[in-house]
Each structure stands twice: as structure tokens, then as C-alpha cells.
Amino acid sequence: MKIFISADMEGVNGLTGPEDVIPTGRHYQQGRERMTAEVNAAAAGLLEGGAEEIVVIDAHEDADNLCIEKLHPKISFIRGGSRNLSMVEGIDETFQGLVCLGYHAKFGTPHAVMDHTYDPSTIRDFTINGVSYGELGVNSLVAASYGVPLIMATGDAALTKEAKAYDERCVTVAVKEGIGRFCAKCLPLQKSLALIQETAREAALSIDRLQAAEVPKNLLMGVTFQQVNMADCVMKITGVERTG
């Protein structure tokens, strides 16, 4: 069994604002360590559930956040900014499952911590065939195009609802509950790690019963920008239609 982990940062337990997730932030080093700890907990559970190979991509910002010297010894990792498939670079048909770890809800979600869709200053909404998607949904569809199902997602409570809306068969862990965009009630850290490990084990054990979501053959992407001038710029691209 071969599992792919896409690890973001905003959904990690204890992280509630920019100071936790950007390299110049006061608490960024703590954020890196907590992100790495959650990846290791997920890997331990997946291995207990029968995984034989685990690949993790550092999917946050420039992809150099994980403390690689502290990663579980059985994890192979992808890091660095040149990634054709962005947050799921490296996924292919040889994997049996996708884990979205430390993810956040899409922009505008109520009671969501650090909600955004790729870039909060640029994108207000992102749709595929008229259905609104966040980063979890988009990356899960990329994985599904290779026949790889989403088997597990972790983040705040709003993110876990988003994951269940994408595929109710996916197991989730809510490590915190949003109070405001930069405020959350967080689980005890060790409890959250134990939950991630146990849920990952459960996901691996049930993987034979899961199938990838169906990807429509004809895809129409829609983007609602934060400012009119951004839409003006996109109109220079051949084939773009302005709908609003």
C-alpha cells in the first residue's frame, strides 16, 4: 500500500494566525515543528494500518516548512517551489490513497481559521462546473484523475465539513474549532496527535472499500476575483469568458 500525504499548515493544531505560518512570523518555528509532528503521527498510523510506502509533499507556500531532519524515517518527501501539480506534485496512479493534512477551509467559510483559496488577496471563489471548491476539493480531484481517493483530512471543524461534503467516506480529524478568522479553541496537542494517528490507521485499514470520486470529462473553471482590475487582466487570456 502506497499513500500520498499533502501537508498544509493553516489547519495544524495550535496555529491560528499569520505569525504562526509565515517565515517572518514570531511563532513560525513552533508552527513548523507542530506541522512535522502531525505528519509523523499520520505516518505512524498509516504504517500501523498496512501502508508500506508514504510520500509527503510540503504543500504550504514555498514548500520548505517541514523539519525534514525530524520526519519519520520511513517517509519520503517532496519539497521546493517548482511544482507543476502544486500541492499534490508527485501524485500518480501508483498510490492507493490521498491524505490532506493540516488543511484549511475555502475563502469565506464561517467559523474557519485562516480561510482562503490559494491567495486571499486575489481569489474570492473558485468553481468547477459551477460547484465551489477549496484547495482540498481541487487537490482531491487532481488525485481522483489518477484514480486515487481522498481517504483522510485534518484541519479545523470547518475544513472537516468541507471534506465530508466532497466525499462523505473520507475520515476526518478536527484538531481545532474556529472562533474567529484568527482565533480557535484547540485540542490538547498530544490528544490531537493521538487522534490523527488512530484515524490514519483506520483510513489505511478501510482503503480497499474506497473509490476515487468521478471527475467530469468536460471541465469549466470559474474564478471570482477580489478586485475588478484582476478580472481585467485575465481577459487577455485566449478563451476566457467574462460572466460577471
Protein backbone atom coordinates (compact mmCIF):
# COMPACT_ATOMS: atom_id res chain seq x y z
CA MET A 1 0.00 0.00 0.00
CA LYS A 2 1.35 3.40 -1.06
CA ILE A 3 -0.10 6.59 0.46
CA PHE A 4 0.38 10.24 -0.53
CA ILE A 5 0.18 13.00 2.10
CA SER A 6 -0.35 16.62 1.08
CA ALA A 7 0.64 18.66 4.14
CA ASP A 8 -0.55 22.24 4.51
CA MET A 9 0.00 24.41 7.57
CA GLU A 10 -3.01 26.60 8.41
CA GLY A 11 -5.03 23.62 9.63
CA VAL A 12 -2.41 22.38 12.08
CA ASN A 13 -3.43 22.39 15.75
CA GLY A 14 -2.41 25.45 17.75
CA LEU A 15 -1.81 27.63 14.68
CA THR A 16 -4.30 30.48 14.45
CA GLY A 17 -2.78 33.41 12.55
CA PRO A 18 -0.14 34.64 10.10
CA GLU A 19 2.51 34.84 12.84
CA ASP A 20 2.32 31.03 13.04
CA VAL A 21 2.58 30.17 9.34
CA ILE A 22 4.79 32.70 7.54
CA PRO A 23 8.61 32.51 7.78
CA THR A 24 8.88 36.01 9.25
CA GLY A 25 6.27 35.27 11.92
CA ARG A 26 7.18 35.22 15.60
CA HIS A 27 5.84 31.68 16.11
CA TYR A 28 6.76 30.18 12.73
CA GLN A 29 9.37 27.78 14.12
CA GLN A 30 6.79 26.36 16.53
CA GLY A 31 4.41 26.04 13.59
CA ARG A 32 6.97 24.06 11.60
CA GLU A 33 7.50 21.68 14.50
CA ARG A 34 3.77 21.12 15.03
CA MET A 35 3.23 20.57 11.31
CA THR A 36 6.03 17.98 11.32
CA ALA A 37 4.58 16.28 14.40
CA GLU A 38 1.18 15.89 12.72
CA VAL A 39 2.78 14.44 9.58
CA ASN A 40 4.68 11.94 11.73
CA ALA A 41 1.51 10.98 13.64
CA ALA A 42 -0.33 10.36 10.39
CA ALA A 43 2.57 8.31 9.02
CA ALA A 44 2.71 6.17 12.17
CA GLY A 45 -0.99 5.39 11.89
CA LEU A 46 -0.83 4.63 8.18
CA LEU A 47 2.04 2.21 8.75
CA GLU A 48 0.08 0.51 11.53
CA GLY A 49 -2.81 0.14 9.08
CA GLY A 50 -0.67 -1.59 6.48
CA ALA A 51 0.95 1.16 4.43
CA GLU A 52 4.31 0.15 3.03
CA GLU A 53 5.35 3.43 1.42
CA ILE A 54 4.48 7.02 2.35
CA VAL A 55 5.31 10.12 0.35
CA VAL A 56 4.62 13.57 1.76
CA ILE A 57 4.69 16.85 -0.11
CA ASP A 58 5.30 20.04 1.81
CA ALA A 59 2.33 21.89 0.31
CA HIS A 60 2.49 25.20 2.20
CA GLU A 61 3.78 28.35 0.46
CA ASP A 62 7.27 27.67 -0.97
CA ALA A 63 7.28 24.08 0.30
CA ASP A 64 10.18 24.36 2.75
CA ASN A 65 8.35 24.26 6.08
CA LEU A 66 8.69 20.70 7.38
CA CYS A 67 11.55 19.97 9.76
CA ILE A 68 12.93 17.28 7.50
CA GLU A 69 15.51 16.08 10.00
CA LYS A 70 12.64 15.24 12.37
CA LEU A 71 10.45 13.39 9.85
CA HIS A 72 9.51 9.75 10.43
CA PRO A 73 12.34 7.61 8.99
CA LYS A 74 10.00 5.81 6.58
CA ILE A 75 8.68 9.00 4.93
CA SER A 76 9.91 10.08 1.52
CA PHE A 77 9.32 13.79 0.99
CA ILE A 78 8.93 16.36 -1.76
CA ARG A 79 9.89 19.97 -1.10
CA GLY A 80 10.65 23.05 -3.18
CA GLY A 81 8.70 25.62 -5.15
CA SER A 82 8.83 24.33 -8.77
CA ARG A 83 5.77 22.08 -8.78
CA ASN A 84 3.57 21.51 -11.84
CA LEU A 85 0.83 19.93 -9.72
CA SER A 86 1.21 22.42 -6.89
CA MET A 87 0.00 20.92 -3.58
CA VAL A 88 -0.15 17.35 -4.94
CA GLU A 89 3.02 17.29 -7.02
CA GLY A 90 4.16 13.68 -7.25
CA ILE A 91 0.72 12.05 -7.12
CA ASP A 92 0.11 9.36 -9.72
CA GLU A 93 -1.77 6.13 -10.31
CA THR A 94 0.64 4.08 -8.18
CA PHE A 95 -0.88 5.48 -4.95
CA GLN A 96 -3.86 3.95 -3.17
CA GLY A 97 -4.91 6.96 -1.10
CA LEU A 98 -4.55 10.71 -0.52
CA VAL A 99 -4.36 12.32 2.94
CA CYS A 100 -4.91 16.10 3.15
CA LEU A 101 -3.23 17.08 6.42
CA GLY A 102 -3.35 20.48 8.12
CA TYR A 103 -5.73 21.90 5.52
CA HIS A 104 -7.99 24.95 5.86
CA ALA A 105 -11.46 25.80 4.60
CA LYS A 106 -12.15 27.78 1.43
CA PHE A 107 -12.37 31.56 1.47
CA GLY A 108 -15.49 32.98 3.11
CA THR A 109 -16.34 29.92 5.21
CA PRO A 110 -17.93 30.89 8.54
CA HIS A 111 -16.01 29.98 11.73
CA ALA A 112 -12.96 28.92 9.73
CA VAL A 113 -9.38 29.58 10.80
CA MET A 114 -7.26 31.40 8.20
CA ASP A 115 -9.76 30.55 5.46
CA HIS A 116 -8.63 31.24 1.90
CA THR A 117 -8.49 29.69 -1.54
CA TYR A 118 -4.87 29.78 -2.71
CA ASP A 119 -4.50 33.57 -2.28
CA PRO A 120 -6.91 35.55 -0.08
CA SER A 121 -5.92 38.85 -1.68
CA THR A 122 -6.74 37.57 -5.16
CA ILE A 123 -9.41 34.84 -5.18
CA ARG A 124 -12.85 35.12 -3.64
CA ASP A 125 -14.27 31.90 -5.10
CA PHE A 126 -13.16 29.06 -7.35
CA THR A 127 -15.63 26.80 -9.17
CA ILE A 128 -15.50 23.73 -11.36
CA ASN A 129 -18.60 23.21 -13.47
CA GLY A 130 -20.46 25.64 -11.23
CA VAL A 131 -19.53 23.93 -7.94
CA SER A 132 -17.44 25.91 -5.44
CA TYR A 133 -14.21 24.22 -4.35
CA GLY A 134 -11.47 24.99 -1.87
CA GLU A 135 -7.93 23.71 -2.03
CA LEU A 136 -8.93 20.35 -0.59
CA GLY A 137 -11.52 19.77 -3.30
CA VAL A 138 -9.27 20.84 -6.15
CA ASN A 139 -6.35 18.70 -4.99
CA SER A 140 -8.64 15.75 -4.35
CA LEU A 141 -9.98 16.00 -7.92
CA VAL A 142 -6.42 16.03 -9.27
CA ALA A 143 -5.74 12.86 -7.26
CA ALA A 144 -9.03 11.36 -8.46
CA SER A 145 -7.95 11.93 -12.07
CA TYR A 146 -5.25 9.33 -11.33
CA GLY A 147 -7.75 7.03 -9.63
CA VAL A 148 -6.57 7.95 -6.11
CA PRO A 149 -9.31 8.51 -3.48
CA LEU A 150 -9.27 11.02 -0.64
CA ILE A 151 -9.09 8.83 2.45
CA MET A 152 -8.46 11.31 5.27
CA ALA A 153 -8.46 15.04 6.03
CA THR A 154 -7.41 17.05 9.08
CA GLY A 155 -7.80 20.71 9.99
CA ASP A 156 -10.35 22.81 11.82
CA ALA A 157 -14.01 21.81 12.18
CA ALA A 158 -14.99 23.88 9.12
CA LEU A 159 -12.45 22.04 6.97
CA THR A 160 -13.69 18.62 8.08
CA LYS A 161 -17.22 19.60 7.00
CA GLU A 162 -15.83 20.66 3.63
CA ALA A 163 -14.06 17.31 3.28
CA LYS A 164 -17.22 15.36 4.09
CA ALA A 165 -19.13 17.42 1.51
CA TYR A 166 -16.55 16.39 -1.08
CA ASP A 167 -16.67 12.71 -0.10
CA GLU A 168 -18.53 11.52 2.99
CA ARG A 169 -16.50 8.29 3.06
CA CYS A 170 -13.32 10.17 3.96
CA VAL A 171 -12.40 10.08 7.66
CA THR A 172 -11.54 13.36 9.36
CA VAL A 173 -9.96 14.87 12.45
CA ALA A 174 -10.94 18.34 13.67
CA VAL A 175 -7.96 19.50 15.73
CA LYS A 176 -9.47 22.92 16.49
CA GLU A 177 -12.72 24.84 16.22
CA GLY A 178 -12.74 28.33 14.74
CA ILE A 179 -13.99 31.19 16.89
CA GLY A 180 -12.86 33.92 14.52
CA ARG A 181 -10.68 34.01 11.43
CA PHE A 182 -7.58 34.23 13.62
CA CYS A 183 -8.86 32.56 16.77
CA ALA A 184 -9.65 28.95 17.66
CA LYS A 185 -10.33 26.60 20.52
CA CYS A 186 -7.65 23.91 20.13
CA LEU A 187 -7.46 20.33 21.35
CA PRO A 188 -4.67 19.38 23.74
CA LEU A 189 -1.68 18.84 21.47
CA GLN A 190 -0.96 15.24 22.46
CA LYS A 191 -4.64 14.33 22.15
CA SER A 192 -4.76 15.72 18.61
CA LEU A 193 -1.67 13.73 17.62
CA ALA A 194 -3.18 10.55 19.05
CA LEU A 195 -6.42 11.17 17.13
CA ILE A 196 -4.52 11.75 13.90
CA GLN A 197 -2.55 8.54 14.35
CA GLU A 198 -5.62 6.44 15.16
CA THR A 199 -7.69 7.92 12.34
CA ALA A 200 -4.85 7.36 9.85
CA ARG A 201 -4.70 3.73 10.94
CA GLU A 202 -8.47 3.47 10.41
CA ALA A 203 -8.16 5.06 6.96
CA ALA A 204 -5.45 2.63 5.88
CA LEU A 205 -7.39 -0.41 7.12
CA SER A 206 -10.52 0.62 5.18
CA ILE A 207 -8.80 1.68 1.98
CA ASP A 208 -9.97 -1.32 -0.04
CA ARG A 209 -13.56 -0.11 0.34
CA LEU A 210 -12.87 3.34 -1.10
CA GLN A 211 -13.01 4.58 -4.67
CA ALA A 212 -11.87 7.83 -6.20
CA ALA A 213 -14.52 10.44 -6.94
CA GLU A 214 -15.69 10.70 -10.53
CA VAL A 215 -14.01 13.52 -12.44
CA PRO A 216 -16.18 15.16 -15.12
CA LYS A 217 -14.78 14.78 -18.63
CA ASN A 218 -15.50 18.38 -19.55
CA LEU A 219 -14.24 20.90 -17.01
CA LEU A 220 -15.15 24.57 -16.85
CA MET A 221 -13.14 26.61 -14.34
CA GLY A 222 -14.59 29.75 -12.83
CA VAL A 223 -12.75 32.31 -10.72
CA THR A 224 -14.28 35.24 -8.84
CA PHE A 225 -11.55 37.78 -8.14
CA GLN A 226 -11.32 40.18 -5.25
CA GLN A 227 -10.90 43.24 -7.50
CA VAL A 228 -12.20 44.26 -10.92
CA ASN A 229 -8.71 45.01 -12.30
CA MET A 230 -7.72 41.37 -11.69
CA ALA A 231 -10.56 40.20 -13.91
CA ASP A 232 -9.50 42.81 -16.49
CA CYS A 233 -6.02 41.24 -16.63
CA VAL A 234 -7.37 37.70 -17.07
CA MET A 235 -9.42 38.82 -20.08
CA LYS A 236 -6.12 38.96 -22.01
CA ILE A 237 -6.01 35.14 -21.97
CA THR A 238 -7.46 33.48 -25.07
CA GLY A 239 -10.64 31.52 -24.38
CA VAL A 240 -11.65 33.34 -21.20
CA GLU A 241 -15.25 34.49 -20.90
CA ARG A 242 -16.35 37.19 -18.51
CA THR A 243 -19.55 36.26 -16.70
CA GLY A 244 -19.78 38.95 -14.02
